[in-house]
C-alpha atoms as a PDB file:
ATOM      1  CA  MET A   1     -13.788  -2.055 -24.302  1.00  0.00           C
ATOM      2  CA  LYS A   2     -12.641   1.190 -22.726  1.00  0.00           C
ATOM      3  CA  LYS A   3     -10.859   0.725 -19.424  1.00  0.00           C
ATOM      4  CA  THR A   4     -12.214   2.537 -16.386  1.00  0.00           C
ATOM      5  CA  THR A   5     -10.473   3.480 -13.165  1.00  0.00           C
ATOM      6  CA  SER A   6     -13.521   3.994 -10.973  1.00  0.00           C
ATOM      7  CA  GLN A   7     -13.348   0.686  -9.137  1.00  0.00           C
ATOM      8  CA  PHE A   8     -10.480   1.549  -6.803  1.00  0.00           C
ATOM      9  CA  LYS A   9     -10.405   4.923  -5.073  1.00  0.00           C
ATOM     10  CA  GLY A  10      -9.855   6.360  -1.626  1.00  0.00           C
ATOM     11  CA  VAL A  11      -7.497   5.239   1.118  1.00  0.00           C
ATOM     12  CA  PHE A  12      -6.076   1.732   0.768  1.00  0.00           C
ATOM     13  CA  THR A  13      -4.175   0.357   3.754  1.00  0.00           C
ATOM     14  CA  ALA A  14      -0.911  -1.485   3.093  1.00  0.00           C
ATOM     15  CA  LEU A  15      -1.577  -4.001   5.847  1.00  0.00           C
ATOM     16  CA  VAL A  16       1.002  -5.142   8.353  1.00  0.00           C
ATOM     17  CA  THR A  17       1.298  -8.877   8.956  1.00  0.00           C
ATOM     18  CA  PRO A  18       0.914  -9.525  12.697  1.00  0.00           C
ATOM     19  CA  MET A  19       3.359 -12.007  14.233  1.00  0.00           C
ATOM     20  CA  LYS A  20       3.460 -13.956  17.484  1.00  0.00           C
ATOM     21  CA  ALA A  21       6.411 -13.697  19.867  1.00  0.00           C
ATOM     22  CA  ASN A  22       7.826 -16.892  18.326  1.00  0.00           C
ATOM     23  CA  GLY A  23       7.666 -15.373  14.845  1.00  0.00           C
ATOM     24  CA  GLU A  24       4.648 -17.292  13.578  1.00  0.00           C
ATOM     25  CA  LEU A  25       1.703 -15.576  11.917  1.00  0.00           C
ATOM     26  CA  HIS A  26      -0.927 -14.240  14.300  1.00  0.00           C
ATOM     27  CA  LEU A  27      -4.051 -14.492  12.145  1.00  0.00           C
ATOM     28  CA  PRO A  28      -6.573 -13.582  14.903  1.00  0.00           C
ATOM     29  CA  LYS A  29      -4.762 -10.247  15.328  1.00  0.00           C
ATOM     30  CA  LEU A  30      -4.860  -9.750  11.576  1.00  0.00           C
ATOM     31  CA  GLU A  31      -8.625 -10.333  11.668  1.00  0.00           C
ATOM     32  CA  ARG A  32      -9.051  -7.786  14.465  1.00  0.00           C
ATOM     33  CA  LEU A  33      -6.929  -5.230  12.638  1.00  0.00           C
ATOM     34  CA  ILE A  34      -8.887  -5.651   9.399  1.00  0.00           C
ATOM     35  CA  ASN A  35     -12.242  -5.333  11.119  1.00  0.00           C
ATOM     36  CA  ASN A  36     -11.099  -2.091  12.727  1.00  0.00           C
ATOM     37  CA  GLN A  37      -9.780  -0.768   9.413  1.00  0.00           C
ATOM     38  CA  ILE A  38     -13.145  -1.321   7.752  1.00  0.00           C
ATOM     39  CA  LYS A  39     -15.033   0.035  10.766  1.00  0.00           C
ATOM     40  CA  GLN A  40     -12.983   3.244  10.521  1.00  0.00           C
ATOM     41  CA  GLY A  41     -13.961   3.676   6.887  1.00  0.00           C
ATOM     42  CA  ILE A  42     -10.880   2.500   4.977  1.00  0.00           C
ATOM     43  CA  HIS A  43     -11.762   2.062   1.300  1.00  0.00           C
ATOM     44  CA  GLY A  44      -9.493  -0.875   0.408  1.00  0.00           C
ATOM     45  CA  LEU A  45      -6.902  -3.313   1.748  1.00  0.00           C
ATOM     46  CA  ILE A  46      -3.532  -4.352   0.357  1.00  0.00           C
ATOM     47  CA  PRO A  47      -2.033  -7.401   2.079  1.00  0.00           C
ATOM     48  CA  LEU A  48       1.488  -8.594   1.251  1.00  0.00           C
ATOM     49  CA  GLY A  49       3.004  -5.267   0.280  1.00  0.00           C
ATOM     50  CA  SER A  50       6.284  -3.923   1.625  1.00  0.00           C
ATOM     51  CA  THR A  51       4.716  -3.143   5.002  1.00  0.00           C
ATOM     52  CA  GLY A  52       3.252  -6.655   5.011  1.00  0.00           C
ATOM     53  CA  GLU A  53       6.736  -8.246   4.804  1.00  0.00           C
ATOM     54  CA  PHE A  54       5.825 -10.423   1.822  1.00  0.00           C
ATOM     55  CA  TYR A  55       9.516 -11.132   1.246  1.00  0.00           C
ATOM     56  CA  ALA A  56       9.801 -12.838   4.658  1.00  0.00           C
ATOM     57  CA  LEU A  57       6.772 -15.130   4.307  1.00  0.00           C
ATOM     58  CA  THR A  58       6.527 -18.645   2.913  1.00  0.00           C
ATOM     59  CA  ALA A  59       4.146 -19.416   0.062  1.00  0.00           C
ATOM     60  CA  THR A  60       1.788 -21.097   2.530  1.00  0.00           C
ATOM     61  CA  GLU A  61       1.851 -18.065   4.828  1.00  0.00           C
ATOM     62  CA  ARG A  62       1.172 -15.719   1.932  1.00  0.00           C
ATOM     63  CA  GLU A  63      -1.917 -17.715   1.044  1.00  0.00           C
ATOM     64  CA  GLN A  64      -3.052 -17.671   4.679  1.00  0.00           C
ATOM     65  CA  VAL A  65      -2.746 -13.886   4.812  1.00  0.00           C
ATOM     66  CA  ILE A  66      -4.801 -13.467   1.643  1.00  0.00           C
ATOM     67  CA  THR A  67      -7.507 -15.938   2.643  1.00  0.00           C
ATOM     68  CA  THR A  68      -7.802 -14.347   6.091  1.00  0.00           C
ATOM     69  CA  THR A  69      -8.035 -10.856   4.606  1.00  0.00           C
ATOM     70  CA  LEU A  70     -10.695 -11.913   2.121  1.00  0.00           C
ATOM     71  CA  LYS A  71     -12.684 -13.774   4.759  1.00  0.00           C
ATOM     72  CA  VAL A  72     -12.806 -10.803   7.116  1.00  0.00           C
ATOM     73  CA  ALA A  73     -13.330  -8.195   4.398  1.00  0.00           C
ATOM     74  CA  ALA A  74     -16.232 -10.307   3.117  1.00  0.00           C
ATOM     75  CA  GLY A  75     -16.715  -8.098   0.084  1.00  0.00           C
ATOM     76  CA  ARG A  76     -17.079  -4.898   2.106  1.00  0.00           C
ATOM     77  CA  VAL A  77     -13.964  -3.359   0.528  1.00  0.00           C
ATOM     78  CA  PRO A  78     -11.719  -4.440  -2.350  1.00  0.00           C
ATOM     79  CA  VAL A  79      -8.650  -6.524  -1.544  1.00  0.00           C
ATOM     80  CA  VAL A  80      -5.618  -5.962  -3.785  1.00  0.00           C
ATOM     81  CA  ALA A  81      -2.953  -8.557  -3.055  1.00  0.00           C
ATOM     82  CA  GLY A  82       0.759  -7.919  -3.392  1.00  0.00           C
ATOM     83  CA  VAL A  83       2.130 -10.695  -5.617  1.00  0.00           C
ATOM     84  CA  ASN A  84       5.777  -9.741  -5.818  1.00  0.00           C
ATOM     85  CA  ALA A  85       8.715 -12.122  -5.993  1.00  0.00           C
ATOM     86  CA  GLY A  86      12.112 -12.397  -7.652  1.00  0.00           C
ATOM     87  CA  ALA A  87      11.080 -14.513 -10.660  1.00  0.00           C
ATOM     88  CA  THR A  88       8.370 -13.937 -13.257  1.00  0.00           C
ATOM     89  CA  ARG A  89       7.015 -17.484 -12.928  1.00  0.00           C
ATOM     90  CA  ASP A  90       6.458 -16.957  -9.197  1.00  0.00           C
ATOM     91  CA  VAL A  91       4.741 -13.594  -9.658  1.00  0.00           C
ATOM     92  CA  VAL A  92       2.460 -15.125 -12.293  1.00  0.00           C
ATOM     93  CA  ALA A  93       1.634 -18.005  -9.940  1.00  0.00           C
ATOM     94  CA  TYR A  94       0.872 -15.656  -7.034  1.00  0.00           C
ATOM     95  CA  ALA A  95      -1.277 -13.453  -9.294  1.00  0.00           C
ATOM     96  CA  ARG A  96      -3.281 -16.434 -10.516  1.00  0.00           C
ATOM     97  CA  GLN A  97      -3.721 -17.600  -6.939  1.00  0.00           C
ATOM     98  CA  ALA A  98      -4.924 -14.153  -5.829  1.00  0.00           C
ATOM     99  CA  GLU A  99      -7.525 -14.093  -8.598  1.00  0.00           C
ATOM    100  CA  LYS A 100      -8.664 -17.638  -7.839  1.00  0.00           C
ATOM    101  CA  LEU A 101      -9.046 -16.838  -4.133  1.00  0.00           C
ATOM    102  CA  GLY A 102     -11.238 -13.837  -4.917  1.00  0.00           C
ATOM    103  CA  CYS A 103      -9.021 -10.736  -4.800  1.00  0.00           C
ATOM    104  CA  SER A 104     -10.239  -7.635  -6.617  1.00  0.00           C
ATOM    105  CA  GLY A 105      -6.788  -6.919  -8.022  1.00  0.00           C
ATOM    106  CA  VAL A 106      -3.057  -7.449  -7.633  1.00  0.00           C
ATOM    107  CA  MET A 107      -0.137  -5.114  -6.975  1.00  0.00           C
ATOM    108  CA  VAL A 108       3.011  -5.678  -9.031  1.00  0.00           C
ATOM    109  CA  ALA A 109       6.423  -4.099  -8.464  1.00  0.00           C
ATOM    110  CA  ALA A 110       9.674  -4.642 -10.307  1.00  0.00           C
ATOM    111  CA  PRO A 111      11.371  -7.890  -9.257  1.00  0.00           C
ATOM    112  CA  TYR A 112      14.026  -7.122  -6.693  1.00  0.00           C
ATOM    113  CA  TYR A 113      17.760  -7.886  -6.982  1.00  0.00           C
ATOM    114  CA  SER A 114      17.780  -8.840 -10.696  1.00  0.00           C
ATOM    115  CA  LEU A 115      17.382  -5.185 -11.792  1.00  0.00           C
ATOM    116  CA  PRO A 116      15.507  -5.827 -15.051  1.00  0.00           C
ATOM    117  CA  ARG A 117      15.888  -3.329 -17.895  1.00  0.00           C
ATOM    118  CA  PRO A 118      12.763  -1.605 -19.238  1.00  0.00           C
ATOM    119  CA  ASP A 119      12.211  -4.124 -22.051  1.00  0.00           C
ATOM    120  CA  GLU A 120      12.653  -7.013 -19.628  1.00  0.00           C
ATOM    121  CA  LEU A 121      10.329  -5.421 -17.085  1.00  0.00           C
ATOM    122  CA  PHE A 122       7.680  -4.826 -19.754  1.00  0.00           C
ATOM    123  CA  ARG A 123       7.771  -8.532 -20.652  1.00  0.00           C
ATOM    124  CA  HIS A 124       7.558  -9.428 -16.965  1.00  0.00           C
ATOM    125  CA  ILE A 125       4.453  -7.308 -16.388  1.00  0.00           C
ATOM    126  CA  SER A 126       2.972  -8.487 -19.692  1.00  0.00           C
ATOM    127  CA  ALA A 127       3.264 -12.078 -18.480  1.00  0.00           C
ATOM    128  CA  VAL A 128       1.294 -11.214 -15.354  1.00  0.00           C
ATOM    129  CA  ASN A 129      -1.255  -9.266 -17.391  1.00  0.00           C
ATOM    130  CA  ASN A 130      -1.790 -12.179 -19.752  1.00  0.00           C
ATOM    131  CA  ALA A 131      -2.240 -14.659 -16.913  1.00  0.00           C
ATOM    132  CA  ILE A 132      -5.124 -12.967 -15.091  1.00  0.00           C
ATOM    133  CA  GLY A 133      -8.344 -11.059 -15.690  1.00  0.00           C
ATOM    134  CA  ILE A 134      -8.365  -8.666 -12.722  1.00  0.00           C
ATOM    135  CA  PRO A 135      -6.862  -5.150 -12.443  1.00  0.00           C
ATOM    136  CA  ILE A 136      -3.152  -4.644 -11.876  1.00  0.00           C
ATOM    137  CA  MET A 137      -1.777  -1.846  -9.720  1.00  0.00           C
ATOM    138  CA  ILE A 138       1.813  -1.074 -10.696  1.00  0.00           C
ATOM    139  CA  TYR A 139       4.002  -0.334  -7.679  1.00  0.00           C
ATOM    140  CA  ASN A 140       6.862   2.017  -8.439  1.00  0.00           C
ATOM    141  CA  TYR A 141       9.185   2.121  -5.454  1.00  0.00           C
ATOM    142  CA  PRO A 142      12.826   2.265  -6.592  1.00  0.00           C
ATOM    143  CA  GLY A 143      13.950   2.797  -3.006  1.00  0.00           C
ATOM    144  CA  ARG A 144      12.915  -0.801  -2.311  1.00  0.00           C
ATOM    145  CA  THR A 145      13.333  -2.569  -5.655  1.00  0.00           C
ATOM    146  CA  GLY A 146      16.336  -0.764  -7.128  1.00  0.00           C
ATOM    147  CA  VAL A 147      14.391  -0.242 -10.373  1.00  0.00           C
ATOM    148  CA  ASP A 148      12.856   3.131 -11.241  1.00  0.00           C
ATOM    149  CA  MET A 149       9.926   3.036 -13.652  1.00  0.00           C
ATOM    150  CA  ALA A 150       9.958   6.283 -15.618  1.00  0.00           C
ATOM    151  CA  THR A 151       6.646   8.005 -16.267  1.00  0.00           C
ATOM    152  CA  ASP A 152       6.759   7.241 -20.003  1.00  0.00           C
ATOM    153  CA  PHE A 153       7.429   3.577 -19.229  1.00  0.00           C
ATOM    154  CA  ILE A 154       4.454   3.418 -16.870  1.00  0.00           C
ATOM    155  CA  ALA A 155       2.330   5.144 -19.508  1.00  0.00           C
ATOM    156  CA  SER A 156       3.362   2.467 -22.010  1.00  0.00           C
ATOM    157  CA  LEU A 157       2.088  -0.214 -19.627  1.00  0.00           C
ATOM    158  CA  THR A 158      -1.456   1.099 -20.020  1.00  0.00           C
ATOM    159  CA  LYS A 159      -1.486  -0.662 -23.395  1.00  0.00           C
ATOM    160  CA  LEU A 160      -1.924  -3.837 -21.352  1.00  0.00           C
ATOM    161  CA  LYS A 161      -5.601  -4.479 -20.681  1.00  0.00           C
ATOM    162  CA  ASN A 162      -5.328  -5.070 -16.923  1.00  0.00           C
ATOM    163  CA  VAL A 163      -2.871  -2.316 -15.981  1.00  0.00           C
ATOM    164  CA  ARG A 164      -5.273   0.236 -14.551  1.00  0.00           C
ATOM    165  CA  TYR A 165      -3.566   1.759 -11.490  1.00  0.00           C
ATOM    166  CA  VAL A 166      -0.190   2.816 -10.173  1.00  0.00           C
ATOM    167  CA  LYS A 167       1.075   3.359  -6.669  1.00  0.00           C
ATOM    168  CA  GLU A 168       3.719   6.056  -7.174  1.00  0.00           C
ATOM    169  CA  SER A 169       6.185   5.898  -4.281  1.00  0.00           C
ATOM    170  CA  THR A 170       9.224   7.842  -5.467  1.00  0.00           C
ATOM    171  CA  GLY A 171       8.293  10.840  -3.334  1.00  0.00           C
ATOM    172  CA  GLU A 172       8.291  13.144  -6.370  1.00  0.00           C
ATOM    173  CA  MET A 173       5.041  15.050  -6.808  1.00  0.00           C
ATOM    174  CA  ALA A 174       5.814  15.758 -10.471  1.00  0.00           C
ATOM    175  CA  ARG A 175       5.711  12.034 -11.215  1.00  0.00           C
ATOM    176  CA  MET A 176       2.056  11.835 -10.224  1.00  0.00           C
ATOM    177  CA  THR A 177       0.949  14.922 -12.140  1.00  0.00           C
ATOM    178  CA  THR A 178       2.898  13.806 -15.218  1.00  0.00           C
ATOM    179  CA  LEU A 179       1.241  10.385 -15.129  1.00  0.00           C
ATOM    180  CA  MET A 180      -2.174  11.991 -14.781  1.00  0.00           C
ATOM    181  CA  ARG A 181      -1.451  14.219 -17.771  1.00  0.00           C
ATOM    182  CA  LEU A 182      -0.006  11.431 -19.938  1.00  0.00           C
ATOM    183  CA  CYS A 183      -2.569   8.748 -19.155  1.00  0.00           C
ATOM    184  CA  GLY A 184      -5.816  10.524 -18.363  1.00  0.00           C
ATOM    185  CA  ASP A 185      -8.546   8.086 -17.376  1.00  0.00           C
ATOM    186  CA  ARG A 186      -6.530   5.096 -18.605  1.00  0.00           C
ATOM    187  CA  LEU A 187      -4.644   5.005 -15.305  1.00  0.00           C
ATOM    188  CA  GLY A 188      -5.727   5.691 -11.749  1.00  0.00           C
ATOM    189  CA  VAL A 189      -2.823   7.230  -9.837  1.00  0.00           C
ATOM    190  CA  PHE A 190      -2.471   6.469  -6.126  1.00  0.00           C
ATOM    191  CA  CYS A 191      -0.110   8.457  -3.935  1.00  0.00           C
ATOM    192  CA  GLY A 192       2.391   6.075  -2.362  1.00  0.00           C
ATOM    193  CA  CYS A 193       4.310   8.696  -0.385  1.00  0.00           C
ATOM    194  CA  ASP A 194       2.574   9.614   2.867  1.00  0.00           C
ATOM    195  CA  THR A 195       4.068  13.086   3.164  1.00  0.00           C
ATOM    196  CA  LEU A 196       2.633  14.049  -0.254  1.00  0.00           C
ATOM    197  CA  ALA A 197      -0.888  12.855   0.500  1.00  0.00           C
ATOM    198  CA  LEU A 198      -2.539  16.268   0.749  1.00  0.00           C
ATOM    199  CA  GLU A 199      -0.991  17.702  -2.416  1.00  0.00           C
ATOM    200  CA  SER A 200      -1.674  14.562  -4.430  1.00  0.00           C
ATOM    201  CA  LEU A 201      -5.331  14.360  -3.434  1.00  0.00           C
ATOM    202  CA  MET A 202      -5.802  18.071  -4.156  1.00  0.00           C
ATOM    203  CA  VAL A 203      -4.540  17.705  -7.733  1.00  0.00           C
ATOM    204  CA  GLY A 204      -6.745  14.707  -8.465  1.00  0.00           C
ATOM    205  CA  THR A 205      -5.099  11.383  -7.664  1.00  0.00           C
ATOM    206  CA  VAL A 206      -7.693   8.670  -7.135  1.00  0.00           C
ATOM    207  CA  GLY A 207      -6.380   7.798  -3.704  1.00  0.00           C
ATOM    208  CA  TRP A 208      -3.622   7.119  -1.232  1.00  0.00           C
ATOM    209  CA  VAL A 209      -1.954   3.814  -0.361  1.00  0.00           C
ATOM    210  CA  GLY A 210      -0.248   4.017   3.020  1.00  0.00           C
ATOM    211  CA  GLY A 211       1.145   1.881   5.793  1.00  0.00           C
ATOM    212  CA  VAL A 212       0.501   4.471   8.498  1.00  0.00           C
ATOM    213  CA  ALA A 213      -3.196   3.880   7.796  1.00  0.00           C
ATOM    214  CA  ASN A 214      -2.746   0.757   9.948  1.00  0.00           C
ATOM    215  CA  VAL A 215      -2.113   3.136  12.834  1.00  0.00           C
ATOM    216  CA  LEU A 216      -4.384   6.123  12.140  1.00  0.00           C
ATOM    217  CA  PRO A 217      -7.119   4.862   9.800  1.00  0.00           C
ATOM    218  CA  ALA A 218      -9.844   7.327  10.801  1.00  0.00           C
ATOM    219  CA  SER A 219      -7.550  10.315  10.220  1.00  0.00           C
ATOM    220  CA  HIS A 220      -6.520   9.011   6.803  1.00  0.00           C
ATOM    221  CA  VAL A 221     -10.145   8.580   5.780  1.00  0.00           C
ATOM    222  CA  LYS A 222     -11.072  12.004   7.130  1.00  0.00           C
ATOM    223  CA  LEU A 223      -8.262  13.652   5.156  1.00  0.00           C
ATOM    224  CA  TYR A 224      -9.538  12.004   1.974  1.00  0.00           C
ATOM    225  CA  GLU A 225     -13.107  13.079   2.688  1.00  0.00           C
ATOM    226  CA  LEU A 226     -12.150  16.668   3.485  1.00  0.00           C
ATOM    227  CA  THR A 227      -9.948  16.994   0.415  1.00  0.00           C
ATOM    228  CA  VAL A 228     -11.757  15.007  -2.267  1.00  0.00           C
ATOM    229  CA  GLU A 229     -15.394  14.874  -1.220  1.00  0.00           C
ATOM    230  CA  LYS A 230     -15.933  18.130   0.695  1.00  0.00           C
ATOM    231  CA  ARG A 231     -13.093  20.167  -0.824  1.00  0.00           C
ATOM    232  CA  ASP A 232     -12.612  21.826   2.536  1.00  0.00           C
ATOM    233  CA  TYR A 233      -8.939  22.559   2.001  1.00  0.00           C
ATOM    234  CA  VAL A 234      -8.526  24.650   5.153  1.00  0.00           C
ATOM    235  CA  ALA A 235      -9.719  21.808   7.394  1.00  0.00           C
ATOM    236  CA  ALA A 236      -7.759  19.286   5.312  1.00  0.00           C
ATOM    237  CA  ARG A 237      -4.542  21.255   5.734  1.00  0.00           C
ATOM    238  CA  LYS A 238      -5.088  21.513   9.489  1.00  0.00           C
ATOM    239  CA  LEU A 239      -5.567  17.755   9.787  1.00  0.00           C
ATOM    240  CA  PHE A 240      -2.616  17.015   7.507  1.00  0.00           C
ATOM    241  CA  PHE A 241      -0.316  19.172   9.609  1.00  0.00           C
ATOM    242  CA  GLU A 242      -1.433  17.186  12.673  1.00  0.00           C
ATOM    243  CA  LEU A 243      -0.544  13.953  10.878  1.00  0.00           C
ATOM    244  CA  LEU A 244       2.715  15.226   9.421  1.00  0.00           C
ATOM    245  CA  PRO A 245       5.054  14.656  12.432  1.00  0.00           C
ATOM    246  CA  THR A 246       4.074  10.974  12.434  1.00  0.00           C
ATOM    247  CA  LEU A 247       4.255  10.630   8.659  1.00  0.00           C
ATOM    248  CA  GLU A 248       7.648  12.353   8.458  1.00  0.00           C
ATOM    249  CA  LEU A 249       9.075  10.271  11.289  1.00  0.00           C
ATOM    250  CA  MET A 250       8.019   6.986   9.734  1.00  0.00           C
ATOM    251  CA  GLU A 251       9.108   7.848   6.210  1.00  0.00           C
ATOM    252  CA  GLY A 252      12.337   9.581   7.115  1.00  0.00           C
ATOM    253  CA  GLY A 253      14.304   7.048   9.109  1.00  0.00           C
ATOM    254  CA  GLY A 254      14.560   4.032   6.827  1.00  0.00           C
ATOM    255  CA  LYS A 255      12.578   1.962   9.332  1.00  0.00           C
ATOM    256  CA  TYR A 256       9.073   2.209   7.924  1.00  0.00           C
ATOM    257  CA  THR A 257       7.875  -1.326   8.690  1.00  0.00           C
ATOM    258  CA  GLN A 258       9.462  -1.297  12.149  1.00  0.00           C
ATOM    259  CA  TRP A 259       7.888   2.082  12.973  1.00  0.00           C
ATOM    260  CA  VAL A 260       4.437   1.070  11.707  1.00  0.00           C
ATOM    261  CA  LYS A 261       4.374  -2.184  13.649  1.00  0.00           C
ATOM    262  CA  ALA A 262       5.527  -0.441  16.816  1.00  0.00           C
ATOM    263  CA  ALA A 263       2.925   2.301  16.370  1.00  0.00           C
ATOM    264  CA  CYS A 264       0.186  -0.302  15.883  1.00  0.00           C
ATOM    265  CA  GLY A 265       1.049  -1.606  19.338  1.00  0.00           C
ATOM    266  CA  LEU A 266       0.936   1.882  20.820  1.00  0.00           C
ATOM    267  CA  MET A 267      -2.564   2.302  19.374  1.00  0.00           C
ATOM    268  CA  GLY A 268      -3.839  -0.965  20.856  1.00  0.00           C
ATOM    269  CA  PHE A 269      -3.362  -3.214  17.821  1.00  0.00           C
ATOM    270  CA  ASP A 270      -0.189  -5.111  18.652  1.00  0.00           C
ATOM    271  CA  SER A 271       1.240  -6.776  15.554  1.00  0.00           C
ATOM    272  CA  GLY A 272       4.473  -8.109  17.029  1.00  0.00           C
ATOM    273  CA  ALA A 273       7.981  -7.526  15.764  1.00  0.00           C
ATOM    274  CA  PRO A 274       9.046  -7.704  12.125  1.00  0.00           C
ATOM    275  CA  ARG A 275      10.771 -10.852  10.969  1.00  0.00           C
ATOM    276  CA  GLN A 276      14.523 -10.869  10.689  1.00  0.00           C
ATOM    277  CA  PRO A 277      16.548  -9.309   9.274  1.00  0.00           C
ATOM    278  CA  LEU A 278      14.411  -6.431  10.592  1.00  0.00           C
ATOM    279  CA  CYS A 279      14.198  -5.866  14.341  1.00  0.00           C
ATOM    280  CA  ALA A 280      11.575  -4.393  16.636  1.00  0.00           C
ATOM    281  CA  ALA A 281      11.694  -0.691  17.405  1.00  0.00           C
ATOM    282  CA  SER A 282      13.616   0.157  20.573  1.00  0.00           C
ATOM    283  CA  LYS A 283      12.074   1.748  23.668  1.00  0.00           C
ATOM    284  CA  ALA A 284      13.611   5.074  22.692  1.00  0.00           C
ATOM    285  CA  GLU A 285      12.132   4.806  19.195  1.00  0.00           C
ATOM    286  CA  CYS A 286       8.722   3.941  20.651  1.00  0.00           C
ATOM    287  CA  ALA A 287       8.952   7.060  22.801  1.00  0.00           C
ATOM    288  CA  GLN A 288       9.635   9.105  19.652  1.00  0.00           C
ATOM    289  CA  LEU A 289       6.618   7.542  17.995  1.00  0.00           C
ATOM    290  CA  LEU A 290       4.375   8.234  20.953  1.00  0.00           C
ATOM    291  CA  ALA A 291       5.435  11.894  20.986  1.00  0.00           C
ATOM    292  CA  ALA A 292       4.699  12.202  17.246  1.00  0.00           C
ATOM    293  CA  LEU A 293       1.322  10.486  17.558  1.00  0.00           C
ATOM    294  CA  THR A 294       0.130  12.950  20.170  1.00  0.00           C
ATOM    295  CA  PHE A 295       0.162  15.711  17.544  1.00  0.00           C
ATOM    296  CA  CYS A 296      -2.815  14.000  15.925  1.00  0.00           C
ATOM    297  CA  GLU A 297      -6.179  13.896  17.659  1.00  0.00           C
ATOM    298  CA  GLU A 298      -6.666  10.227  16.799  1.00  0.00           C
ATOM    299  CA  GLY A 299      -3.336   9.407  18.447  1.00  0.00           C
ATOM    300  CA  ARG A 300      -3.997  11.113  21.773  1.00  0.00           C
END
């Protein structure tokens, strides 16, 4: 059967994981955040990605985040769960759990720290593919994992029946256009670099996965609509330039999760501090964020 990539498209939010002051999960705040995301028109949700601090959560907490997200989403938008871990057996187990719980798909990155070679990584992703029957979104983010998936390697993964999407987060526009050219409709390419969102949507990526969508969901959705649905590139560029100071600040300082969680608080959706080893943004950093947010109408 020919694979299709029409199921997932639009803006998918890489959800933060709200925490209490004592560091425990704050599931009621997660519920409130998700409801607002869907109310603002977000097209999909990705819990347990990098912005969701999956690496700092226990297995029980990871399950709680997924079940809460699914309960609140209630089928209104697809939920694609991050299932990453350091060992193949754990990723397979998390992927099977996500499917059993009702997720629409899973997001798989290269295992961190072990630095698998291409042949080893192909076997790793094949094991996940063979264990489930729902779509896989490959997550290429060498800045986090230490492993860079070349475009020809990602193209080779489309031989696997469930590999249908990629979140390309290297920050190189040519990677996305090359993947689109190599793979055609076998692979739906999502922009994973916020500052390339406008260009990527204009050339035909199926969507945008971003953490700043936690903070400015309506603006993210509007940019997608203006660019993809209305093709009003003048209005899209104007909106993108309003968003850009915030996007550049969050992507440029090596503190993406810290910035996003702090900005959520500034926008009335407090999500607490990140778990250690990360620390909460300082007062000075929050002031920088507030100044950047005021460039965008939604942030004023």
